Amino acid sequence: MSIVLTEFARPRLFPRTPRANTIQDCSAEQFVQHLNTHEPLKVLEGYAPFCKLFVYPNWTSTRCLTVPITDGNRHLLRSGYEARNREELPVLVRWFEGVESPVADYLVVILYSAGQLAKEGSPIDADWGIVGCIYTAEPEEVPMAPITMMRNALGVEEGGSGVPLDRDAYARAVAFWDGNANWRP
């Protein structure tokens, strides 16, 4: 089995100007090499048959993706409309500024099959393509953001995957993201 980094994920995980809330201590090439030469701790089923999540112990100093919202940090929440790339419509997102999360214990790598990536217009020369990575304290998936679920349900032409909205998964995601937020340096 082979894994490559997609052009979609590269700027999000390895931006040109390094940021404290992205993968630390290795280049994109070193990251991909590690995934291709080390067995994951475990493999989780993704939200659709074409999606897998490979869980690795964190070998970097990468920090957790999310921070719990408390009365002590709620005033540091920010929001704005953003698109993940030029082709997508901006959506409302929120994040912390001025909060630093602890070092993650696990990296949960989100993979799409070559077939799905070809369907989305991003063919790869490998079995799996990295579309994201969750940095977390637990060896489990952090629920997908509700807005990402909605975007996926909109279809490939709007930057999604074409997977219909699952109301139960959406409710679980809302429960998680109501009490947590991403952070930015």
C-alpha atoms as a PDB file:
ATOM      1  CA  MET A   1       0.000   0.000   0.000  1.00  0.00           C
ATOM      2  CA  SER A   2       1.290   3.460  -0.883  1.00  0.00           C
ATOM      3  CA  ILE A   3       0.406   6.909   0.497  1.00  0.00           C
ATOM      4  CA  VAL A   4       1.000  10.362  -1.025  1.00  0.00           C
ATOM      5  CA  LEU A   5       0.266  13.899   0.121  1.00  0.00           C
ATOM      6  CA  THR A   6      -2.479  15.546  -1.940  1.00  0.00           C
ATOM      7  CA  GLU A   7      -2.176  19.084  -3.238  1.00  0.00           C
ATOM      8  CA  PHE A   8      -5.322  19.856  -1.209  1.00  0.00           C
ATOM      9  CA  ALA A   9      -3.665  18.869   2.090  1.00  0.00           C
ATOM     10  CA  ARG A  10      -0.128  20.171   1.458  1.00  0.00           C
ATOM     11  CA  PRO A  11      -0.766  23.879   2.206  1.00  0.00           C
ATOM     12  CA  ARG A  12      -2.949  23.042   5.205  1.00  0.00           C
ATOM     13  CA  LEU A  13      -0.456  20.662   6.854  1.00  0.00           C
ATOM     14  CA  PHE A  14       2.814  22.150   5.537  1.00  0.00           C
ATOM     15  CA  PRO A  15       2.271  25.843   4.728  1.00  0.00           C
ATOM     16  CA  ARG A  16       5.035  27.810   3.018  1.00  0.00           C
ATOM     17  CA  THR A  17       5.390  29.910   6.163  1.00  0.00           C
ATOM     18  CA  PRO A  18       5.435  27.430   9.064  1.00  0.00           C
ATOM     19  CA  ARG A  19       2.822  27.967  11.788  1.00  0.00           C
ATOM     20  CA  ALA A  20       2.656  26.573  15.330  1.00  0.00           C
ATOM     21  CA  ASN A  21      -0.722  24.893  14.642  1.00  0.00           C
ATOM     22  CA  THR A  22       0.500  22.681  11.778  1.00  0.00           C
ATOM     23  CA  ILE A  23       2.769  19.614  11.653  1.00  0.00           C
ATOM     24  CA  GLN A  24       6.121  20.335  13.294  1.00  0.00           C
ATOM     25  CA  ASP A  25       9.666  18.939  13.114  1.00  0.00           C
ATOM     26  CA  CYS A  26       9.517  17.347   9.666  1.00  0.00           C
ATOM     27  CA  SER A  27       9.067  18.220   6.025  1.00  0.00           C
ATOM     28  CA  ALA A  28       6.151  17.033   3.921  1.00  0.00           C
ATOM     29  CA  GLU A  29       8.454  14.463   2.316  1.00  0.00           C
ATOM     30  CA  GLN A  30       9.651  13.147   5.705  1.00  0.00           C
ATOM     31  CA  PHE A  31       6.051  12.932   6.915  1.00  0.00           C
ATOM     32  CA  VAL A  32       4.960  10.879   3.897  1.00  0.00           C
ATOM     33  CA  GLN A  33       8.046   8.672   4.185  1.00  0.00           C
ATOM     34  CA  HIS A  34       7.211   7.970   7.841  1.00  0.00           C
ATOM     35  CA  LEU A  35       3.657   6.956   6.935  1.00  0.00           C
ATOM     36  CA  ASN A  36       4.894   4.654   4.177  1.00  0.00           C
ATOM     37  CA  THR A  37       7.517   2.966   6.388  1.00  0.00           C
ATOM     38  CA  HIS A  38       5.687   2.655   9.730  1.00  0.00           C
ATOM     39  CA  GLU A  39       2.580   0.651  10.514  1.00  0.00           C
ATOM     40  CA  PRO A  40      -0.230   2.687  12.080  1.00  0.00           C
ATOM     41  CA  LEU A  41      -1.147   1.971  15.693  1.00  0.00           C
ATOM     42  CA  LYS A  42      -4.654   1.316  14.388  1.00  0.00           C
ATOM     43  CA  VAL A  43      -6.898   1.997  11.403  1.00  0.00           C
ATOM     44  CA  LEU A  44     -10.320   3.594  11.858  1.00  0.00           C
ATOM     45  CA  GLU A  45     -13.158   3.562   9.373  1.00  0.00           C
ATOM     46  CA  GLY A  46     -13.867   7.006   7.969  1.00  0.00           C
ATOM     47  CA  TYR A  47     -17.209   8.642   7.255  1.00  0.00           C
ATOM     48  CA  ALA A  48     -17.503   6.835   3.894  1.00  0.00           C
ATOM     49  CA  PRO A  49     -16.034   3.636   2.370  1.00  0.00           C
ATOM     50  CA  PHE A  50     -13.356   5.608   0.501  1.00  0.00           C
ATOM     51  CA  CYS A  51     -12.047   7.211   3.723  1.00  0.00           C
ATOM     52  CA  LYS A  52      -9.684   5.641   6.289  1.00  0.00           C
ATOM     53  CA  LEU A  53      -7.996   7.122   9.322  1.00  0.00           C
ATOM     54  CA  PHE A  54      -4.532   5.864  10.211  1.00  0.00           C
ATOM     55  CA  VAL A  55      -3.600   6.521  13.842  1.00  0.00           C
ATOM     56  CA  TYR A  56       0.107   7.027  14.627  1.00  0.00           C
ATOM     57  CA  PRO A  57       1.826   7.900  17.894  1.00  0.00           C
ATOM     58  CA  ASN A  58       2.969  11.509  17.501  1.00  0.00           C
ATOM     59  CA  TRP A  59       6.696  11.493  16.665  1.00  0.00           C
ATOM     60  CA  THR A  60       6.772  15.305  16.393  1.00  0.00           C
ATOM     61  CA  SER A  61       6.087  18.287  18.670  1.00  0.00           C
ATOM     62  CA  THR A  62       2.806  18.983  16.857  1.00  0.00           C
ATOM     63  CA  ARG A  63       0.146  20.359  19.206  1.00  0.00           C
ATOM     64  CA  CYS A  64      -3.466  19.223  19.622  1.00  0.00           C
ATOM     65  CA  LEU A  65      -5.841  20.548  16.981  1.00  0.00           C
ATOM     66  CA  THR A  66      -8.561  21.636  19.397  1.00  0.00           C
ATOM     67  CA  VAL A  67      -8.910  23.325  22.759  1.00  0.00           C
ATOM     68  CA  PRO A  68     -11.930  23.008  25.075  1.00  0.00           C
ATOM     69  CA  ILE A  69     -13.958  26.214  25.422  1.00  0.00           C
ATOM     70  CA  THR A  70     -14.087  27.419  29.020  1.00  0.00           C
ATOM     71  CA  ASP A  71     -15.318  30.530  30.805  1.00  0.00           C
ATOM     72  CA  GLY A  72     -11.652  31.475  31.140  1.00  0.00           C
ATOM     73  CA  ASN A  73     -10.873  31.421  27.407  1.00  0.00           C
ATOM     74  CA  ARG A  74     -14.233  32.089  25.709  1.00  0.00           C
ATOM     75  CA  HIS A  75     -13.261  35.760  25.226  1.00  0.00           C
ATOM     76  CA  LEU A  76     -10.392  34.596  22.960  1.00  0.00           C
ATOM     77  CA  LEU A  77     -12.734  33.006  20.370  1.00  0.00           C
ATOM     78  CA  ARG A  78     -12.753  34.628  16.938  1.00  0.00           C
ATOM     79  CA  SER A  79     -14.817  33.935  13.824  1.00  0.00           C
ATOM     80  CA  GLY A  80     -14.850  34.780  10.143  1.00  0.00           C
ATOM     81  CA  TYR A  81     -15.757  33.542   6.682  1.00  0.00           C
ATOM     82  CA  GLU A  82     -13.026  31.495   5.006  1.00  0.00           C
ATOM     83  CA  ALA A  83     -12.548  29.110   2.093  1.00  0.00           C
ATOM     84  CA  ARG A  84     -10.023  26.273   2.230  1.00  0.00           C
ATOM     85  CA  ASN A  85      -8.908  27.125  -1.326  1.00  0.00           C
ATOM     86  CA  ARG A  86      -9.812  29.467  -4.196  1.00  0.00           C
ATOM     87  CA  GLU A  87     -12.416  27.137  -5.692  1.00  0.00           C
ATOM     88  CA  GLU A  88     -14.551  26.772  -2.570  1.00  0.00           C
ATOM     89  CA  LEU A  89     -17.188  29.055  -1.143  1.00  0.00           C
ATOM     90  CA  PRO A  90     -16.250  30.737   2.142  1.00  0.00           C
ATOM     91  CA  VAL A  91     -18.017  29.373   5.223  1.00  0.00           C
ATOM     92  CA  LEU A  92     -18.247  30.639   8.800  1.00  0.00           C
ATOM     93  CA  VAL A  93     -15.470  29.237  11.023  1.00  0.00           C
ATOM     94  CA  ARG A  94     -14.277  29.978  14.546  1.00  0.00           C
ATOM     95  CA  TRP A  95     -10.954  29.619  16.310  1.00  0.00           C
ATOM     96  CA  PHE A  96      -9.004  30.696  19.352  1.00  0.00           C
ATOM     97  CA  GLU A  97      -6.307  33.344  19.235  1.00  0.00           C
ATOM     98  CA  GLY A  98      -3.882  33.643  22.137  1.00  0.00           C
ATOM     99  CA  VAL A  99      -4.347  30.029  23.303  1.00  0.00           C
ATOM    100  CA  GLU A 100      -1.767  27.281  22.928  1.00  0.00           C
ATOM    101  CA  SER A 101      -2.781  23.637  23.132  1.00  0.00           C
ATOM    102  CA  PRO A 102      -0.701  20.781  24.576  1.00  0.00           C
ATOM    103  CA  VAL A 103       1.491  18.559  22.407  1.00  0.00           C
ATOM    104  CA  ALA A 104      -0.660  15.881  20.754  1.00  0.00           C
ATOM    105  CA  ASP A 105      -0.180  12.236  21.674  1.00  0.00           C
ATOM    106  CA  TYR A 106      -1.466  11.020  18.297  1.00  0.00           C
ATOM    107  CA  LEU A 107      -1.608  12.027  14.658  1.00  0.00           C
ATOM    108  CA  VAL A 108      -4.753  10.721  12.962  1.00  0.00           C
ATOM    109  CA  VAL A 109      -4.054  10.849   9.232  1.00  0.00           C
ATOM    110  CA  ILE A 110      -7.163  11.164   7.022  1.00  0.00           C
ATOM    111  CA  LEU A 111      -6.799   9.226   3.772  1.00  0.00           C
ATOM    112  CA  TYR A 112      -9.003   9.070   0.669  1.00  0.00           C
ATOM    113  CA  SER A 113      -8.755   6.263  -1.851  1.00  0.00           C
ATOM    114  CA  ALA A 114      -7.240   6.894  -5.274  1.00  0.00           C
ATOM    115  CA  GLY A 115     -10.661   6.214  -6.812  1.00  0.00           C
ATOM    116  CA  GLN A 116     -12.373   8.923  -4.764  1.00  0.00           C
ATOM    117  CA  LEU A 117      -9.635  11.457  -5.451  1.00  0.00           C
ATOM    118  CA  ALA A 118      -9.930  10.774  -9.197  1.00  0.00           C
ATOM    119  CA  LYS A 119     -13.707  11.304  -8.901  1.00  0.00           C
ATOM    120  CA  GLU A 120     -13.016  14.657  -7.232  1.00  0.00           C
ATOM    121  CA  GLY A 121     -10.644  15.669 -10.043  1.00  0.00           C
ATOM    122  CA  SER A 122      -7.426  15.107  -8.081  1.00  0.00           C
ATOM    123  CA  PRO A 123      -5.918  11.851  -9.372  1.00  0.00           C
ATOM    124  CA  ILE A 124      -2.906  10.430  -7.527  1.00  0.00           C
ATOM    125  CA  ASP A 125      -0.253   7.844  -8.321  1.00  0.00           C
ATOM    126  CA  ALA A 126      -0.732   5.820  -5.105  1.00  0.00           C
ATOM    127  CA  ASP A 127      -3.353   3.766  -3.288  1.00  0.00           C
ATOM    128  CA  TRP A 128      -4.231   6.476  -0.772  1.00  0.00           C
ATOM    129  CA  GLY A 129      -3.945  10.260  -0.598  1.00  0.00           C
ATOM    130  CA  ILE A 130      -3.622  12.323   2.549  1.00  0.00           C
ATOM    131  CA  VAL A 131      -6.438  14.884   2.725  1.00  0.00           C
ATOM    132  CA  GLY A 132      -5.941  15.960   6.323  1.00  0.00           C
ATOM    133  CA  CYS A 133      -4.527  15.148   9.721  1.00  0.00           C
ATOM    134  CA  ILE A 134      -5.993  15.442  13.198  1.00  0.00           C
ATOM    135  CA  TYR A 135      -3.609  16.133  16.077  1.00  0.00           C
ATOM    136  CA  THR A 136      -5.158  14.764  19.258  1.00  0.00           C
ATOM    137  CA  ALA A 137      -4.659  13.515  22.826  1.00  0.00           C
ATOM    138  CA  GLU A 138      -6.671  10.337  22.175  1.00  0.00           C
ATOM    139  CA  PRO A 139      -6.121   7.694  19.471  1.00  0.00           C
ATOM    140  CA  GLU A 140      -9.559   8.469  18.039  1.00  0.00           C
ATOM    141  CA  GLU A 141     -11.126  10.697  15.444  1.00  0.00           C
ATOM    142  CA  VAL A 142     -12.213  14.191  16.414  1.00  0.00           C
ATOM    143  CA  PRO A 143     -15.670  14.636  14.856  1.00  0.00           C
ATOM    144  CA  MET A 144     -15.672  16.348  11.487  1.00  0.00           C
ATOM    145  CA  ALA A 145     -16.801  19.960  11.757  1.00  0.00           C
ATOM    146  CA  PRO A 146     -20.528  20.323  11.006  1.00  0.00           C
ATOM    147  CA  ILE A 147     -19.806  22.775   8.178  1.00  0.00           C
ATOM    148  CA  THR A 148     -17.469  20.206   6.566  1.00  0.00           C
ATOM    149  CA  MET A 149     -20.274  17.632   6.686  1.00  0.00           C
ATOM    150  CA  MET A 150     -22.577  20.105   4.971  1.00  0.00           C
ATOM    151  CA  ARG A 151     -19.950  20.918   2.341  1.00  0.00           C
ATOM    152  CA  ASN A 152     -19.466  17.197   1.657  1.00  0.00           C
ATOM    153  CA  ALA A 153     -23.225  16.798   1.193  1.00  0.00           C
ATOM    154  CA  LEU A 154     -23.237  19.631  -1.369  1.00  0.00           C
ATOM    155  CA  GLY A 155     -21.143  17.526  -3.723  1.00  0.00           C
ATOM    156  CA  VAL A 156     -17.828  17.510  -5.519  1.00  0.00           C
ATOM    157  CA  GLU A 157     -18.604  20.666  -7.501  1.00  0.00           C
ATOM    158  CA  GLU A 158     -18.754  22.661  -4.234  1.00  0.00           C
ATOM    159  CA  GLY A 159     -15.586  21.174  -2.715  1.00  0.00           C
ATOM    160  CA  GLY A 160     -17.247  18.239  -0.974  1.00  0.00           C
ATOM    161  CA  SER A 161     -17.182  14.512  -1.484  1.00  0.00           C
ATOM    162  CA  GLY A 162     -20.816  13.898  -2.393  1.00  0.00           C
ATOM    163  CA  VAL A 163     -21.590  11.919   0.779  1.00  0.00           C
ATOM    164  CA  PRO A 164     -25.099  12.673   2.085  1.00  0.00           C
ATOM    165  CA  LEU A 165     -25.488  14.237   5.522  1.00  0.00           C
ATOM    166  CA  ASP A 166     -25.819  11.720   8.374  1.00  0.00           C
ATOM    167  CA  ARG A 167     -28.055  13.400  10.988  1.00  0.00           C
ATOM    168  CA  ASP A 168     -26.739  11.345  13.914  1.00  0.00           C
ATOM    169  CA  ALA A 169     -23.091  12.009  13.017  1.00  0.00           C
ATOM    170  CA  TYR A 170     -23.983  15.677  12.549  1.00  0.00           C
ATOM    171  CA  ALA A 171     -25.546  15.839  16.035  1.00  0.00           C
ATOM    172  CA  ARG A 172     -22.421  14.231  17.571  1.00  0.00           C
ATOM    173  CA  ALA A 173     -20.241  16.747  15.732  1.00  0.00           C
ATOM    174  CA  VAL A 174     -22.327  19.685  16.959  1.00  0.00           C
ATOM    175  CA  ALA A 175     -22.065  18.392  20.543  1.00  0.00           C
ATOM    176  CA  PHE A 176     -18.252  18.209  20.268  1.00  0.00           C
ATOM    177  CA  TRP A 177     -17.679  21.494  18.417  1.00  0.00           C
ATOM    178  CA  ASP A 178     -20.087  23.383  20.682  1.00  0.00           C
ATOM    179  CA  GLY A 179     -17.537  22.877  23.462  1.00  0.00           C
ATOM    180  CA  ASN A 180     -14.257  22.939  21.486  1.00  0.00           C
ATOM    181  CA  ALA A 181     -12.534  25.113  18.905  1.00  0.00           C
ATOM    182  CA  ASN A 182      -9.388  25.080  16.806  1.00  0.00           C
ATOM    183  CA  TRP A 183      -6.604  27.481  17.695  1.00  0.00           C
ATOM    184  CA  ARG A 184      -4.271  29.731  15.758  1.00  0.00           C
ATOM    185  CA  PRO A 185      -1.018  31.291  16.834  1.00  0.00           C
END
